[in-house]
N, C-alpha and C. Protein backbone atom coordinates (compact mmCIF):
# COMPACT_ATOMS: atom_id res chain seq x y z
N UNK A 1 113.82 238.61 266.85
CA UNK A 1 114.32 238.46 268.23
C UNK A 1 115.13 237.37 268.45
N UNK A 2 116.59 238.16 268.58
CA UNK A 2 117.69 237.55 269.03
C UNK A 2 118.64 238.01 269.77
N UNK A 3 119.13 237.18 270.61
CA UNK A 3 119.41 237.36 272.45
C UNK A 3 118.88 238.73 272.67
N UNK A 4 117.37 238.76 272.72
CA UNK A 4 116.91 239.54 273.45
C UNK A 4 116.62 241.18 272.88
N UNK A 5 117.13 241.13 271.82
CA UNK A 5 117.56 242.30 270.84
C UNK A 5 116.39 242.26 269.27
N UNK A 6 115.69 243.35 269.05
CA UNK A 6 114.75 242.77 267.67
C UNK A 6 115.58 243.38 266.77
N UNK A 7 115.57 242.84 265.46
CA UNK A 7 116.08 243.13 263.82
C UNK A 7 115.22 243.08 262.95
N UNK A 8 115.29 244.15 262.64
CA UNK A 8 114.83 243.83 260.82
C UNK A 8 115.77 243.35 259.94
N UNK A 9 115.03 242.19 258.88
CA UNK A 9 115.83 241.71 258.07
C UNK A 9 115.11 241.70 256.46
N UNK A 10 115.75 242.57 256.00
CA UNK A 10 115.39 242.26 254.50
C UNK A 10 115.85 241.37 253.76
N UNK A 11 114.93 240.45 252.93
CA UNK A 11 115.19 239.11 252.28
C UNK A 11 114.42 238.99 251.38
N UNK A 12 114.64 238.12 250.19
CA UNK A 12 114.87 238.10 249.04
C UNK A 12 113.76 236.82 249.11
N UNK A 13 112.27 236.74 248.55
CA UNK A 13 111.88 235.41 248.45
C UNK A 13 111.47 235.38 247.32
N UNK A 14 110.95 234.07 246.46
CA UNK A 14 110.72 233.93 244.96
C UNK A 14 109.27 233.38 245.01
N UNK A 15 108.75 233.90 243.70
CA UNK A 15 107.24 233.20 243.45
C UNK A 15 107.69 232.21 242.16
N UNK A 16 106.88 231.02 242.29
CA UNK A 16 106.90 230.06 241.20
C UNK A 16 105.53 229.83 240.47
N UNK A 17 105.73 229.43 239.41
CA UNK A 17 104.42 229.03 238.79
C UNK A 17 103.58 227.65 239.48
N UNK A 18 104.66 226.79 239.37
CA UNK A 18 104.09 225.21 240.72
C UNK A 18 104.97 224.75 241.72
N UNK A 19 104.48 223.93 242.04
CA UNK A 19 105.45 223.37 243.07
C UNK A 19 106.14 223.10 242.63
N UNK A 20 106.44 222.25 240.99
CA UNK A 20 107.41 221.31 240.81
C UNK A 20 108.75 222.69 240.46
N UNK A 21 108.25 223.35 240.31
CA UNK A 21 109.59 224.01 240.06
C UNK A 21 110.09 225.02 241.20
N UNK A 22 108.99 224.97 242.16
CA UNK A 22 109.52 225.35 243.65
C UNK A 22 110.46 224.67 243.94
N UNK A 23 110.01 223.31 244.07
CA UNK A 23 110.80 222.34 244.59
C UNK A 23 112.28 221.87 243.89
N UNK A 24 112.56 222.61 242.64
CA UNK A 24 113.42 221.89 241.82
C UNK A 24 114.36 223.08 242.35
N UNK A 25 113.89 224.45 242.82
CA UNK A 25 114.57 225.45 242.63
C UNK A 25 115.35 225.56 244.11
N UNK A 26 114.39 224.85 245.17
CA UNK A 26 114.72 224.63 246.38
C UNK A 26 115.94 223.52 246.38
N UNK A 27 116.17 222.70 245.83
CA UNK A 27 116.73 221.62 246.04
C UNK A 27 118.18 221.88 244.98
N UNK A 28 117.77 222.94 244.35
CA UNK A 28 119.12 223.18 243.27
C UNK A 28 119.96 224.29 244.43
N UNK A 29 118.85 225.12 245.35
CA UNK A 29 119.99 226.04 246.12
C UNK A 29 120.36 225.08 247.07
N UNK A 30 119.96 224.19 247.76
CA UNK A 30 120.30 223.65 248.94
C UNK A 30 121.84 222.96 248.64
N UNK A 31 121.74 222.16 247.35
CA UNK A 31 122.90 221.56 246.75
C UNK A 31 123.98 221.78 246.45
N UNK A 32 123.68 223.39 246.02
CA UNK A 32 125.04 223.93 245.13
C UNK A 32 125.62 224.91 245.63
N UNK A 33 124.88 225.64 246.96
CA UNK A 33 125.19 226.97 246.73
C UNK A 33 126.81 226.25 247.60
N UNK A 34 127.83 227.01 248.13
CA UNK A 34 129.08 226.77 249.13
C UNK A 34 128.57 227.19 250.40
N UNK A 35 127.63 228.13 250.35
CA UNK A 35 127.26 228.39 252.03
C UNK A 35 126.61 227.26 253.03
N UNK A 36 125.73 226.50 251.81
CA UNK A 36 125.23 225.65 252.29
C UNK A 36 125.59 224.47 252.47
N UNK A 37 127.38 224.18 251.87
CA UNK A 37 127.69 223.02 252.53
C UNK A 37 127.53 222.48 254.02
N UNK A 38 127.77 222.94 255.25
CA UNK A 38 127.82 223.19 256.38
C UNK A 38 126.31 222.06 256.52
N UNK A 39 125.23 222.35 255.75
CA UNK A 39 124.05 221.35 255.77
C UNK A 39 124.29 220.19 255.16
N UNK A 40 125.11 220.10 254.13
CA UNK A 40 125.00 218.98 253.37
C UNK A 40 125.75 218.01 254.20
N UNK A 41 126.47 218.66 254.80
CA UNK A 41 127.59 217.61 255.68
C UNK A 41 127.17 216.78 256.39
N UNK A 42 125.72 217.52 256.95
CA UNK A 42 124.62 216.70 258.18
C UNK A 42 123.43 216.29 257.41
N UNK A 43 123.19 216.41 256.22
CA UNK A 43 121.64 216.45 255.61
C UNK A 43 121.07 215.08 255.73
N UNK A 44 121.89 214.26 256.15
CA UNK A 44 121.08 212.81 256.18
C UNK A 44 120.89 212.73 257.75
N UNK A 45 121.25 213.20 258.30
CA UNK A 45 120.20 213.30 259.96
C UNK A 45 119.76 214.59 260.03
N UNK A 46 118.28 214.85 260.26
CA UNK A 46 117.03 215.54 260.23
C UNK A 46 117.41 216.64 261.35
N UNK A 47 117.82 216.13 262.40
CA UNK A 47 117.84 217.14 263.60
C UNK A 47 119.34 217.69 262.83
N UNK A 48 120.44 217.15 262.98
CA UNK A 48 121.36 217.90 262.68
C UNK A 48 121.23 218.75 261.22
N UNK A 49 120.31 218.19 260.69
CA UNK A 49 119.70 219.40 258.90
C UNK A 49 119.36 220.20 259.34
N UNK A 50 118.68 220.44 260.53
CA UNK A 50 117.97 221.84 260.62
C UNK A 50 118.75 222.75 261.06
N UNK A 51 119.81 222.21 262.01
CA UNK A 51 120.90 223.07 262.33
C UNK A 51 121.69 223.79 261.60
N UNK A 52 122.37 222.64 260.31
CA UNK A 52 122.88 223.04 259.00
C UNK A 52 122.01 224.05 258.55
N UNK A 53 120.86 224.29 258.60
CA UNK A 53 120.08 224.68 257.10
C UNK A 53 120.68 226.34 258.09
N UNK A 54 120.33 226.53 259.57
CA UNK A 54 120.39 227.81 260.05
C UNK A 54 121.90 228.48 260.04
N UNK A 55 122.82 227.33 260.38
CA UNK A 55 124.08 227.86 260.05
C UNK A 55 124.56 228.33 258.58
N UNK A 56 123.68 228.03 257.83
CA UNK A 56 124.29 228.34 256.48
C UNK A 56 123.45 229.58 255.97
N UNK A 57 122.69 230.09 257.15
CA UNK A 57 121.94 230.99 256.94
C UNK A 57 120.82 231.07 255.86
N UNK A 58 119.76 229.96 255.80
CA UNK A 58 118.58 229.86 255.20
C UNK A 58 117.66 230.40 255.46
N UNK A 59 117.21 230.27 256.83
CA UNK A 59 116.07 231.05 257.79
C UNK A 59 116.30 232.35 257.94
N UNK A 60 115.32 233.67 257.90
CA UNK A 60 115.75 235.06 258.73
C UNK A 60 115.08 234.60 259.80
N UNK A 61 114.52 233.54 260.49
CA UNK A 61 114.52 233.44 261.48
C UNK A 61 115.12 232.42 262.83
N UNK A 62 115.94 233.30 263.94
CA UNK A 62 116.58 232.30 264.51
C UNK A 62 116.29 231.55 265.45
N UNK A 63 114.58 230.97 265.38
CA UNK A 63 114.09 230.02 266.26
C UNK A 63 114.31 228.85 265.07
N UNK A 64 114.35 228.82 263.26
CA UNK A 64 113.82 227.96 262.84
C UNK A 64 114.04 226.27 263.26
N UNK A 65 115.66 226.37 263.36
CA UNK A 65 115.51 224.85 263.68
C UNK A 65 115.05 224.15 264.77
N UNK A 66 114.43 225.17 265.88
CA UNK A 66 114.13 224.57 267.08
C UNK A 66 112.18 224.40 266.30
N UNK A 67 111.77 225.58 265.56
CA UNK A 67 110.30 225.32 264.98
C UNK A 67 110.09 223.96 264.40
N UNK A 68 111.44 223.76 263.27
CA UNK A 68 111.61 222.63 262.19
C UNK A 68 111.54 221.14 262.92
N UNK A 69 112.47 220.92 263.96
CA UNK A 69 112.37 219.73 264.54
C UNK A 69 111.34 219.44 265.31
N UNK A 70 110.41 220.59 266.23
CA UNK A 70 109.10 220.38 266.65
C UNK A 70 108.06 219.87 265.51
N UNK A 71 108.37 220.26 264.33
CA UNK A 71 107.30 219.88 263.73
C UNK A 71 107.38 218.51 263.14
N UNK A 72 109.01 218.33 262.71
CA UNK A 72 108.71 216.70 262.40
C UNK A 72 108.47 215.69 263.75
N UNK A 73 109.24 216.38 264.95
CA UNK A 73 108.42 215.55 266.07
C UNK A 73 106.46 215.72 266.16
N UNK A 74 105.92 216.36 266.15
CA UNK A 74 104.72 216.69 266.51
C UNK A 74 104.12 215.63 265.47
N UNK A 75 104.43 215.60 264.21
CA UNK A 75 103.82 214.40 263.17
C UNK A 75 104.45 213.64 262.77
N UNK A 76 105.28 212.88 263.96
CA UNK A 76 105.89 211.92 263.40
C UNK A 76 107.12 211.82 261.96
N UNK A 77 107.48 212.46 261.60
CA UNK A 77 108.33 212.23 260.22
C UNK A 77 109.58 211.92 260.23
N UNK A 78 110.09 211.64 261.60
CA UNK A 78 111.26 211.12 261.76
C UNK A 78 111.06 209.39 261.31
N UNK A 79 109.84 208.88 261.31
CA UNK A 79 109.67 207.64 261.14
C UNK A 79 110.01 207.54 259.35
N UNK A 80 109.22 208.40 258.86
CA UNK A 80 109.68 208.68 257.45
C UNK A 80 111.12 208.16 256.91
N UNK A 81 112.00 208.56 258.00
CA UNK A 81 113.54 208.32 257.42
C UNK A 81 114.11 207.24 257.61
N UNK A 82 113.06 206.26 257.71
CA UNK A 82 113.54 204.68 258.41
C UNK A 82 113.39 203.68 257.20
N UNK A 83 114.04 203.55 256.50
CA UNK A 83 114.09 202.50 254.89
C UNK A 83 113.41 201.09 255.19
N UNK A 84 112.29 200.80 254.62
CA UNK A 84 111.87 199.68 255.17
C UNK A 84 112.27 198.35 254.07
N UNK A 85 112.84 197.27 254.35
CA UNK A 85 112.94 196.33 253.27
C UNK A 85 111.99 195.28 253.39
């Protein structure tokens, strides 16, 4: 659902042998593909990063950034971004 209109999206998803392989591919995808430059420019800010992923075309769900930010808030994940010395 986008702007009150339903759409069908064909998207490719990958399968991995283990979590490490998945994380490596995910990292490579976000850090090397030119269309994710909009994400890389703001990735140090989790909220802007969520919206940057959307702008780069990362998720098929138009509500992806909102849902991701809600998960970060509900689970106090923002506190993990604070470096303590």
